[in-house]
């Protein structure tokens, strides 16, 4: 039994060594904009790259926490300058977190002998799970700095905690549409 663990450890070690021997470019930094501020990590895979973020989400009613990951395809590498390199990219992703979002509650109000529906839209905290779509433009300088501008809307659900006497409710993640506002990223590339 110990020999099986030794073999598995050797295989795992050789895989790790082969990955580090063929190390792909990476970048770490910050992504900030109208929707929040996140720590950002990129890892290149041949022509494309994986991007992962974790950080603060500003939300409607207060700050929350969100993590996201996306797989981005390099669509073009225009030669717009002699130094550095440009990239146009897009790709799908996933996100989850504990964030604030607006929720719609409908109740019957009474007035002048009849009842009529009233809708309120309070901001409430809760869990969010969403699919995302990212598209952006990136410039990597001839020194280890990378700047990018992108949009990343989220399409998903938000399950809130409930509002006063109203029960918890699941609905569309409205604040995810704020991802259409461009976001700026600055990363150290190594």
C-alpha atoms as a PDB file:
ATOM      1  CA  UNK A   1       0.000   0.000   0.000  1.00  0.00           C
ATOM      2  CA  UNK A   2       2.879   2.354   0.825  1.00  0.00           C
ATOM      3  CA  UNK A   3       4.389   1.695  -2.617  1.00  0.00           C
ATOM      4  CA  UNK A   4       1.170   2.912  -4.297  1.00  0.00           C
ATOM      5  CA  UNK A   5       1.385   6.174  -2.339  1.00  0.00           C
ATOM      6  CA  UNK A   6       5.045   6.510  -3.293  1.00  0.00           C
ATOM      7  CA  UNK A   7       4.206   5.986  -6.975  1.00  0.00           C
ATOM      8  CA  UNK A   8       1.349   8.500  -6.802  1.00  0.00           C
ATOM      9  CA  UNK A   9       3.614  11.018  -5.081  1.00  0.00           C
ATOM     10  CA  UNK A  10       6.276  10.522  -7.757  1.00  0.00           C
ATOM     11  CA  UNK A  11       3.740  10.996 -10.570  1.00  0.00           C
ATOM     12  CA  UNK A  12       2.347  14.118  -8.897  1.00  0.00           C
ATOM     13  CA  UNK A  13       5.844  15.516  -8.370  1.00  0.00           C
ATOM     14  CA  UNK A  14       6.826  14.890 -12.000  1.00  0.00           C
ATOM     15  CA  UNK A  15       3.627  16.578 -13.212  1.00  0.00           C
ATOM     16  CA  UNK A  16       4.349  19.620 -11.054  1.00  0.00           C
ATOM     17  CA  UNK A  17       7.944  19.791 -12.260  1.00  0.00           C
ATOM     18  CA  UNK A  18       6.898  19.544 -15.901  1.00  0.00           C
ATOM     19  CA  UNK A  19       4.368  22.344 -15.414  1.00  0.00           C
ATOM     20  CA  UNK A  20       6.958  24.618 -13.826  1.00  0.00           C
ATOM     21  CA  UNK A  21       9.509  23.780 -16.504  1.00  0.00           C
ATOM     22  CA  UNK A  22       7.045  24.952 -19.154  1.00  0.00           C
ATOM     23  CA  UNK A  23       5.806  27.899 -17.106  1.00  0.00           C
ATOM     24  CA  UNK A  24       3.324  30.073 -18.928  1.00  0.00           C
ATOM     25  CA  UNK A  25       3.171  33.840 -18.417  1.00  0.00           C
ATOM     26  CA  UNK A  26       1.138  34.969 -15.429  1.00  0.00           C
ATOM     27  CA  UNK A  27      -0.087  38.303 -14.109  1.00  0.00           C
ATOM     28  CA  UNK A  28      -1.363  39.527 -10.725  1.00  0.00           C
ATOM     29  CA  UNK A  29      -2.964  42.843  -9.853  1.00  0.00           C
ATOM     30  CA  UNK A  30      -6.196  44.716  -9.226  1.00  0.00           C
ATOM     31  CA  UNK A  31      -9.427  45.073 -11.182  1.00  0.00           C
ATOM     32  CA  UNK A  32     -11.550  48.060 -10.192  1.00  0.00           C
ATOM     33  CA  UNK A  33     -14.617  49.853 -11.498  1.00  0.00           C
ATOM     34  CA  UNK A  34     -18.235  50.774 -10.795  1.00  0.00           C
ATOM     35  CA  UNK A  35     -19.139  47.279  -9.548  1.00  0.00           C
ATOM     36  CA  UNK A  36     -16.308  46.725  -7.075  1.00  0.00           C
ATOM     37  CA  UNK A  37     -12.612  46.118  -6.528  1.00  0.00           C
ATOM     38  CA  UNK A  38     -10.990  42.703  -6.844  1.00  0.00           C
ATOM     39  CA  UNK A  39      -7.625  40.996  -6.641  1.00  0.00           C
ATOM     40  CA  UNK A  40      -6.948  39.579 -10.107  1.00  0.00           C
ATOM     41  CA  UNK A  41      -4.862  36.662 -11.395  1.00  0.00           C
ATOM     42  CA  UNK A  42      -4.252  35.649 -15.025  1.00  0.00           C
ATOM     43  CA  UNK A  43      -2.587  32.472 -16.247  1.00  0.00           C
ATOM     44  CA  UNK A  44      -1.798  32.010 -19.931  1.00  0.00           C
ATOM     45  CA  UNK A  45      -2.600  28.713 -21.623  1.00  0.00           C
ATOM     46  CA  UNK A  46      -1.006  28.691 -25.080  1.00  0.00           C
ATOM     47  CA  UNK A  47      -2.834  31.523 -26.900  1.00  0.00           C
ATOM     48  CA  UNK A  48      -5.695  31.920 -24.413  1.00  0.00           C
ATOM     49  CA  UNK A  49      -5.799  32.616 -20.663  1.00  0.00           C
ATOM     50  CA  UNK A  50      -7.696  31.909 -17.461  1.00  0.00           C
ATOM     51  CA  UNK A  51      -8.607  34.847 -15.260  1.00  0.00           C
ATOM     52  CA  UNK A  52      -9.715  34.608 -11.608  1.00  0.00           C
ATOM     53  CA  UNK A  53     -10.805  37.385  -9.255  1.00  0.00           C
ATOM     54  CA  UNK A  54     -11.879  37.683  -5.640  1.00  0.00           C
ATOM     55  CA  UNK A  55     -12.913  40.848  -3.886  1.00  0.00           C
ATOM     56  CA  UNK A  56     -15.439  43.395  -2.779  1.00  0.00           C
ATOM     57  CA  UNK A  57     -18.714  43.943  -4.642  1.00  0.00           C
ATOM     58  CA  UNK A  58     -20.315  47.365  -4.092  1.00  0.00           C
ATOM     59  CA  UNK A  59     -23.907  46.141  -4.661  1.00  0.00           C
ATOM     60  CA  UNK A  60     -27.080  48.222  -4.289  1.00  0.00           C
ATOM     61  CA  UNK A  61     -27.370  48.428  -0.532  1.00  0.00           C
ATOM     62  CA  UNK A  62     -23.839  47.753   0.693  1.00  0.00           C
ATOM     63  CA  UNK A  63     -20.612  45.906   0.160  1.00  0.00           C
ATOM     64  CA  UNK A  64     -20.446  42.170  -0.429  1.00  0.00           C
ATOM     65  CA  UNK A  65     -17.906  39.546  -1.486  1.00  0.00           C
ATOM     66  CA  UNK A  66     -17.642  37.929  -4.921  1.00  0.00           C
ATOM     67  CA  UNK A  67     -15.342  35.396  -6.631  1.00  0.00           C
ATOM     68  CA  UNK A  68     -15.295  34.800 -10.368  1.00  0.00           C
ATOM     69  CA  UNK A  69     -13.344  32.886 -12.984  1.00  0.00           C
ATOM     70  CA  UNK A  70     -13.377  33.073 -16.764  1.00  0.00           C
ATOM     71  CA  UNK A  71     -11.702  31.391 -19.715  1.00  0.00           C
ATOM     72  CA  UNK A  72     -10.797  34.011 -22.307  1.00  0.00           C
ATOM     73  CA  UNK A  73     -10.015  33.470 -25.970  1.00  0.00           C
ATOM     74  CA  UNK A  74      -7.569  35.848 -27.647  1.00  0.00           C
ATOM     75  CA  UNK A  75      -9.536  37.002 -30.693  1.00  0.00           C
ATOM     76  CA  UNK A  76      -6.861  39.260 -32.207  1.00  0.00           C
ATOM     77  CA  UNK A  77      -3.392  40.661 -31.546  1.00  0.00           C
ATOM     78  CA  UNK A  78      -3.329  43.958 -33.469  1.00  0.00           C
ATOM     79  CA  UNK A  79       0.080  45.517 -34.203  1.00  0.00           C
ATOM     80  CA  UNK A  80      -0.869  49.026 -33.097  1.00  0.00           C
ATOM     81  CA  UNK A  81       2.551  49.840 -31.604  1.00  0.00           C
ATOM     82  CA  UNK A  82       6.192  48.886 -32.065  1.00  0.00           C
ATOM     83  CA  UNK A  83       6.745  48.211 -28.360  1.00  0.00           C
ATOM     84  CA  UNK A  84       4.504  46.099 -26.159  1.00  0.00           C
ATOM     85  CA  UNK A  85       1.598  43.976 -27.347  1.00  0.00           C
ATOM     86  CA  UNK A  86      -2.156  44.415 -27.714  1.00  0.00           C
ATOM     87  CA  UNK A  87      -4.846  41.750 -27.333  1.00  0.00           C
ATOM     88  CA  UNK A  88      -8.588  41.699 -27.911  1.00  0.00           C
ATOM     89  CA  UNK A  89     -10.228  38.915 -25.892  1.00  0.00           C
ATOM     90  CA  UNK A  90     -13.605  37.485 -24.897  1.00  0.00           C
ATOM     91  CA  UNK A  91     -14.842  34.465 -22.983  1.00  0.00           C
ATOM     92  CA  UNK A  92     -17.369  32.853 -20.654  1.00  0.00           C
ATOM     93  CA  UNK A  93     -17.127  32.535 -16.899  1.00  0.00           C
ATOM     94  CA  UNK A  94     -18.787  31.761 -13.566  1.00  0.00           C
ATOM     95  CA  UNK A  95     -19.252  33.844 -10.430  1.00  0.00           C
ATOM     96  CA  UNK A  96     -20.625  33.397  -6.937  1.00  0.00           C
ATOM     97  CA  UNK A  97     -20.726  35.471  -3.791  1.00  0.00           C
ATOM     98  CA  UNK A  98     -22.650  37.084  -0.969  1.00  0.00           C
ATOM     99  CA  UNK A  99     -23.839  40.419  -2.366  1.00  0.00           C
ATOM    100  CA  UNK A 100     -26.569  43.051  -2.113  1.00  0.00           C
ATOM    101  CA  UNK A 101     -29.227  43.305  -4.828  1.00  0.00           C
ATOM    102  CA  UNK A 102     -32.681  44.811  -5.327  1.00  0.00           C
ATOM    103  CA  UNK A 103     -35.642  42.487  -4.865  1.00  0.00           C
ATOM    104  CA  UNK A 104     -39.248  43.124  -5.869  1.00  0.00           C
ATOM    105  CA  UNK A 105     -42.018  42.425  -3.339  1.00  0.00           C
ATOM    106  CA  UNK A 106     -45.685  42.895  -4.179  1.00  0.00           C
ATOM    107  CA  UNK A 107     -48.343  43.329  -1.512  1.00  0.00           C
ATOM    108  CA  UNK A 108     -51.959  44.456  -1.410  1.00  0.00           C
ATOM    109  CA  UNK A 109     -52.574  47.925  -0.024  1.00  0.00           C
ATOM    110  CA  UNK A 110     -56.021  49.106   0.947  1.00  0.00           C
ATOM    111  CA  UNK A 111     -57.396  52.510   0.191  1.00  0.00           C
ATOM    112  CA  UNK A 112     -60.805  54.081  -0.373  1.00  0.00           C
ATOM    113  CA  UNK A 113     -62.726  50.833  -0.293  1.00  0.00           C
ATOM    114  CA  UNK A 114     -60.565  48.732  -2.611  1.00  0.00           C
ATOM    115  CA  UNK A 115     -57.256  46.877  -2.599  1.00  0.00           C
ATOM    116  CA  UNK A 116     -54.539  47.526  -5.141  1.00  0.00           C
ATOM    117  CA  UNK A 117     -51.071  45.998  -5.665  1.00  0.00           C
ATOM    118  CA  UNK A 118     -48.044  47.918  -4.469  1.00  0.00           C
ATOM    119  CA  UNK A 119     -44.494  46.978  -5.398  1.00  0.00           C
ATOM    120  CA  UNK A 120     -41.452  47.818  -3.327  1.00  0.00           C
ATOM    121  CA  UNK A 121     -37.835  47.269  -4.389  1.00  0.00           C
ATOM    122  CA  UNK A 122     -35.613  47.081  -1.297  1.00  0.00           C
ATOM    123  CA  UNK A 123     -31.929  46.192  -1.428  1.00  0.00           C
ATOM    124  CA  UNK A 124     -31.195  42.992   0.470  1.00  0.00           C
ATOM    125  CA  UNK A 125     -28.142  40.791   1.022  1.00  0.00           C
ATOM    126  CA  UNK A 126     -27.970  37.212  -0.161  1.00  0.00           C
ATOM    127  CA  UNK A 127     -26.133  34.601  -2.199  1.00  0.00           C
ATOM    128  CA  UNK A 128     -25.580  35.016  -5.918  1.00  0.00           C
ATOM    129  CA  UNK A 129     -24.620  32.496  -8.608  1.00  0.00           C
ATOM    130  CA  UNK A 130     -24.168  33.659 -12.196  1.00  0.00           C
ATOM    131  CA  UNK A 131     -22.759  32.985 -15.630  1.00  0.00           C
ATOM    132  CA  UNK A 132     -20.676  35.826 -17.025  1.00  0.00           C
ATOM    133  CA  UNK A 133     -19.531  37.016 -20.414  1.00  0.00           C
ATOM    134  CA  UNK A 134     -16.323  39.025 -20.622  1.00  0.00           C
ATOM    135  CA  UNK A 135     -14.904  41.078 -23.512  1.00  0.00           C
ATOM    136  CA  UNK A 136     -11.921  43.388 -23.343  1.00  0.00           C
ATOM    137  CA  UNK A 137      -8.841  45.096 -24.711  1.00  0.00           C
ATOM    138  CA  UNK A 138      -5.445  44.525 -23.102  1.00  0.00           C
ATOM    139  CA  UNK A 139      -2.045  46.186 -23.502  1.00  0.00           C
ATOM    140  CA  UNK A 140       1.139  44.604 -22.142  1.00  0.00           C
ATOM    141  CA  UNK A 141       4.055  47.028 -21.925  1.00  0.00           C
ATOM    142  CA  UNK A 142       7.658  46.115 -22.772  1.00  0.00           C
ATOM    143  CA  UNK A 143       8.276  46.204 -19.003  1.00  0.00           C
ATOM    144  CA  UNK A 144       6.204  43.953 -16.667  1.00  0.00           C
ATOM    145  CA  UNK A 145       2.978  45.999 -16.596  1.00  0.00           C
ATOM    146  CA  UNK A 146      -0.344  45.033 -18.137  1.00  0.00           C
ATOM    147  CA  UNK A 147      -3.404  47.292 -18.423  1.00  0.00           C
ATOM    148  CA  UNK A 148      -6.817  46.187 -19.625  1.00  0.00           C
ATOM    149  CA  UNK A 149     -10.315  47.555 -20.039  1.00  0.00           C
ATOM    150  CA  UNK A 150     -13.220  45.118 -20.158  1.00  0.00           C
ATOM    151  CA  UNK A 151     -16.913  44.590 -19.594  1.00  0.00           C
ATOM    152  CA  UNK A 152     -18.275  41.594 -17.686  1.00  0.00           C
ATOM    153  CA  UNK A 153     -22.043  41.361 -17.185  1.00  0.00           C
ATOM    154  CA  UNK A 154     -23.418  38.627 -14.916  1.00  0.00           C
ATOM    155  CA  UNK A 155     -26.562  36.630 -15.747  1.00  0.00           C
ATOM    156  CA  UNK A 156     -27.750  34.676 -12.739  1.00  0.00           C
ATOM    157  CA  UNK A 157     -29.864  34.358  -9.623  1.00  0.00           C
ATOM    158  CA  UNK A 158     -29.812  36.121  -6.277  1.00  0.00           C
ATOM    159  CA  UNK A 159     -31.336  34.484  -3.198  1.00  0.00           C
ATOM    160  CA  UNK A 160     -31.905  37.114  -0.533  1.00  0.00           C
ATOM    161  CA  UNK A 161     -32.287  36.770   3.225  1.00  0.00           C
ATOM    162  CA  UNK A 162     -35.813  38.190   3.380  1.00  0.00           C
ATOM    163  CA  UNK A 163     -37.030  41.724   4.017  1.00  0.00           C
ATOM    164  CA  UNK A 164     -38.672  42.464   7.388  1.00  0.00           C
ATOM    165  CA  UNK A 165     -41.796  40.261   7.431  1.00  0.00           C
ATOM    166  CA  UNK A 166     -41.266  39.044   3.869  1.00  0.00           C
ATOM    167  CA  UNK A 167     -39.680  35.606   3.334  1.00  0.00           C
ATOM    168  CA  UNK A 168     -36.440  34.906   1.494  1.00  0.00           C
ATOM    169  CA  UNK A 169     -36.868  35.065  -2.254  1.00  0.00           C
ATOM    170  CA  UNK A 170     -34.910  34.013  -5.355  1.00  0.00           C
ATOM    171  CA  UNK A 171     -34.827  36.226  -8.415  1.00  0.00           C
ATOM    172  CA  UNK A 172     -32.742  37.589 -11.254  1.00  0.00           C
ATOM    173  CA  UNK A 173     -29.398  39.105 -10.202  1.00  0.00           C
ATOM    174  CA  UNK A 174     -30.196  42.692 -11.273  1.00  0.00           C
ATOM    175  CA  UNK A 175     -26.898  44.251 -10.205  1.00  0.00           C
ATOM    176  CA  UNK A 176     -25.088  41.934 -12.629  1.00  0.00           C
ATOM    177  CA  UNK A 177     -26.137  44.229 -15.485  1.00  0.00           C
ATOM    178  CA  UNK A 178     -23.795  46.866 -14.025  1.00  0.00           C
ATOM    179  CA  UNK A 179     -21.053  44.724 -15.561  1.00  0.00           C
ATOM    180  CA  UNK A 180     -21.730  46.533 -18.851  1.00  0.00           C
ATOM    181  CA  UNK A 181     -19.880  49.514 -17.340  1.00  0.00           C
ATOM    182  CA  UNK A 182     -16.179  49.265 -18.387  1.00  0.00           C
ATOM    183  CA  UNK A 183     -13.725  48.160 -15.708  1.00  0.00           C
ATOM    184  CA  UNK A 184      -9.974  48.884 -15.532  1.00  0.00           C
ATOM    185  CA  UNK A 185      -7.337  46.319 -14.525  1.00  0.00           C
ATOM    186  CA  UNK A 186      -3.655  46.853 -13.746  1.00  0.00           C
ATOM    187  CA  UNK A 187      -1.426  43.791 -13.319  1.00  0.00           C
ATOM    188  CA  UNK A 188       2.215  42.894 -12.800  1.00  0.00           C
ATOM    189  CA  UNK A 189       3.159  40.379 -15.521  1.00  0.00           C
ATOM    190  CA  UNK A 190       5.791  37.717 -14.842  1.00  0.00           C
END
